[in-house]
Each structure stands twice: as structure tokens, then as C-alpha cells.
Amino acid sequence: MINKIIDGIVQALIAEFDEGYEVYTENVEQDLQEPCFIIKCVAPSINQALNRRYKLNNAFCIHYFPVSEDIQNECLDVQMKLYGCLEYINHDNDLIRGNQMHGEIVDGVLNFFVNYDFYVIKTKEDTAMETLEVQQNVKE
């Protein structure tokens, strides 16, 4: 599930930004090509809501590494674009809505946070009976 959300985020970023931006879904130790995005799932959780209904809470942090010397302005421009392109993403041919979006610039890197929360219903596995014998008497 989380990997499909990450795929949706990647598709939204590629659609919004041109080919000059790299998108990473794993940590990059060396050879980071700026400008780029790194997508991380921060704290996924699941809570039972009612019966077989569960709420999935998926918090993501998208790091943006700017390329220009004017870090503040570039990060703020990218942040405004992220609000628009990550509001709705594709997930299994459906749209899910991002909420609790906010960003902050720390050490020259934009950290953009977004949650994709939704409900799922777990299927119940019923075991059928193997054999049933019925005896019936009719009263006259």
C-alpha cells in the first residue's frame, strides 16, 4: 500500500516538475544530483475504526534539495507548487487527498510534510462447513 502511495507521489512530482529534477525513493549516500526530491514515509500507522474498518495513517516527508544560490526563494516556489500537485495523487486508479500539508526549510533543504489517510475494510474469511446432516420428523 505504501509503495503505491509513493508511486503516486513520484508521478505527481514528475508531472509538475520538468526533467531536470531527480526523484529518489531511497536514501542517497553519494552523487546526489541537485535539484532533487527524496520521498520518505515517516510514520505509518493503522487504527481500527469500526468492526472490520481500519484507518490507515500515512505521513510522508518530501525533501527538496535546491540548486540555486537563492535557497529561500527557490524552496518557497517549490513549496507552493507542491501544495498544488500533491493535493490529489493516483492510488490504484483512484484519487486520494493529501492533508495536513506544511513545509519548513532546515539547513537549506525544504522539508514538505503531507499525510495520505484513508479507510480500508479487511475481508472476513468464512470457513464453510464440510458436511451437514439433518434429521427431520413430521408430526401427524
Protein backbone atom coordinates (compact mmCIF):
# COMPACT_ATOMS: atom_id res chain seq x y z
CA MET A 1 0.00 0.00 0.00
CA ILE A 2 2.66 2.49 0.99
CA ASN A 3 4.68 1.73 -2.13
CA LYS A 4 1.64 2.55 -4.27
CA ILE A 5 1.29 5.90 -2.48
CA ILE A 6 4.98 6.59 -3.11
CA ASP A 7 4.43 5.75 -6.80
CA GLY A 8 1.56 8.24 -6.88
CA ILE A 9 3.75 10.93 -5.30
CA VAL A 10 6.51 10.24 -7.84
CA GLN A 11 4.03 10.51 -10.72
CA ALA A 12 2.70 13.82 -9.37
CA LEU A 13 6.21 15.24 -8.98
CA ILE A 14 7.26 14.19 -12.47
CA ALA A 15 4.09 15.69 -13.94
CA GLU A 16 4.61 19.02 -12.14
CA PHE A 17 8.36 19.50 -12.50
CA ASP A 18 10.38 19.13 -15.66
CA GLU A 19 13.01 16.51 -16.38
CA GLY A 20 15.77 18.48 -14.66
CA TYR A 21 14.59 17.25 -11.24
CA GLU A 22 15.62 13.86 -9.88
CA VAL A 23 13.19 11.92 -7.65
CA TYR A 24 14.64 9.41 -5.18
CA THR A 25 12.64 6.95 -3.10
CA GLU A 26 15.65 5.66 -1.14
CA ASN A 27 18.42 7.42 0.77
CA VAL A 28 21.28 8.60 -1.42
CA GLU A 29 24.69 8.45 0.21
CA GLN A 30 26.73 9.84 -2.69
CA ASP A 31 26.29 11.54 -6.06
CA LEU A 32 23.12 13.44 -5.16
CA GLN A 33 22.12 15.39 -8.28
CA GLU A 34 20.50 18.67 -7.34
CA PRO A 35 17.77 19.81 -7.74
CA CYS A 36 16.11 16.68 -6.44
CA PHE A 37 13.40 15.23 -4.22
CA ILE A 38 13.72 12.42 -1.70
CA ILE A 39 10.45 10.78 -0.59
CA LYS A 40 10.22 9.15 2.84
CA CYS A 41 7.31 7.57 4.67
CA VAL A 42 7.71 8.95 8.17
CA ALA A 43 5.26 7.21 10.48
CA PRO A 44 2.68 4.84 9.03
CA SER A 45 0.04 3.59 11.43
CA ILE A 46 -3.25 1.70 11.38
CA ASN A 47 -6.18 2.11 13.77
CA GLN A 48 -9.32 0.01 13.97
CA ALA A 49 -12.37 2.21 13.42
CA LEU A 50 -15.46 0.01 13.43
CA ASN A 51 -15.74 -3.74 13.07
CA ARG A 52 -13.58 -4.61 10.02
CA ARG A 53 -12.96 -0.99 9.04
CA TYR A 54 -9.45 0.38 9.62
CA LYS A 55 -7.96 3.83 9.14
CA LEU A 56 -4.51 3.93 7.56
CA ASN A 57 -2.46 7.00 8.51
CA ASN A 58 0.47 7.58 6.17
CA ALA A 59 2.69 10.58 6.88
CA PHE A 60 5.29 11.48 4.26
CA CYS A 61 8.20 13.90 4.21
CA ILE A 62 9.44 15.07 0.84
CA HIS A 63 12.88 16.64 0.98
CA TYR A 64 13.78 19.13 -1.74
CA PHE A 65 17.42 20.00 -2.33
CA PRO A 66 17.69 23.31 -4.22
CA VAL A 67 20.31 24.10 -6.83
CA SER A 68 20.43 27.92 -6.87
CA GLU A 69 22.22 30.29 -4.52
CA ASP A 70 18.88 31.89 -3.59
CA ILE A 71 17.79 28.94 -1.44
CA GLN A 72 14.93 30.66 0.39
CA ASN A 73 13.10 31.85 -2.74
CA GLU A 74 13.63 28.61 -4.66
CA CYS A 75 12.35 26.50 -1.75
CA LEU A 76 9.29 28.72 -1.29
CA ASP A 77 8.46 28.49 -5.01
CA VAL A 78 8.76 24.70 -4.92
CA GLN A 79 6.67 24.54 -1.74
CA MET A 80 3.81 26.41 -3.42
CA LYS A 81 3.94 24.01 -6.38
CA LEU A 82 3.92 21.02 -4.02
CA TYR A 83 0.70 22.25 -2.40
CA GLY A 84 -1.00 22.01 -5.79
CA CYS A 85 0.49 18.86 -7.26
CA LEU A 86 0.27 16.71 -4.09
CA GLU A 87 -3.27 17.62 -3.11
CA TYR A 88 -4.59 14.62 -5.07
CA ILE A 89 -2.50 11.65 -6.20
CA ASN A 90 -3.33 8.45 -8.05
CA HIS A 91 -3.61 5.29 -5.97
CA ASP A 92 -4.93 2.12 -7.63
CA ASN A 93 -6.80 4.14 -10.29
CA ASP A 94 -8.43 6.25 -7.57
CA LEU A 95 -7.54 9.63 -6.18
CA ILE A 96 -6.54 10.09 -2.58
CA ARG A 97 -6.29 13.50 -1.00
CA GLY A 98 -3.28 14.82 0.85
CA ASN A 99 -3.94 16.69 4.06
CA GLN A 100 -2.01 18.42 6.84
CA MET A 101 0.42 19.82 4.24
CA HIS A 102 3.14 22.12 5.51
CA GLY A 103 6.77 22.83 4.80
CA GLU A 104 9.82 24.14 6.56
CA ILE A 105 13.31 25.00 5.41
CA VAL A 106 16.04 23.46 7.57
CA ASP A 107 19.74 23.78 6.74
CA GLY A 108 18.98 24.82 3.17
CA VAL A 109 16.63 21.87 2.49
CA LEU A 110 12.87 22.11 2.14
CA ASN A 111 11.05 19.51 4.25
CA PHE A 112 7.50 19.21 2.95
CA PHE A 113 5.09 17.11 5.02
CA VAL A 114 1.84 15.59 3.74
CA ASN A 115 -0.49 12.88 5.05
CA TYR A 116 -2.46 10.43 2.91
CA ASP A 117 -5.02 8.91 5.27
CA PHE A 118 -7.83 6.62 4.17
CA TYR A 119 -10.07 3.79 5.33
CA VAL A 120 -9.92 0.14 4.28
CA ILE A 121 -12.18 -2.79 5.01
CA LYS A 122 -10.45 -6.05 5.76
CA THR A 123 -12.11 -9.04 4.19
CA LYS A 124 -13.50 -11.64 6.50
CA GLU A 125 -12.53 -15.22 5.85
CA ASP A 126 -15.51 -17.50 6.42
CA THR A 127 -14.90 -21.22 6.67
CA ALA A 128 -17.67 -23.24 5.13
CA MET A 129 -18.94 -26.40 6.81
CA GLU A 130 -17.80 -29.63 5.30
CA THR A 131 -20.83 -31.85 5.84
CA LEU A 132 -24.27 -31.21 7.27
CA GLU A 133 -26.66 -33.98 8.24
CA VAL A 134 -30.27 -33.13 9.07
CA GLN A 135 -32.86 -35.45 10.59
CA GLN A 136 -36.44 -34.37 10.40
CA ASN A 137 -39.62 -35.89 11.84
CA VAL A 138 -43.09 -34.90 10.73
CA LYS A 139 -45.85 -34.87 13.31
CA GLU A 140 -49.22 -36.20 12.16
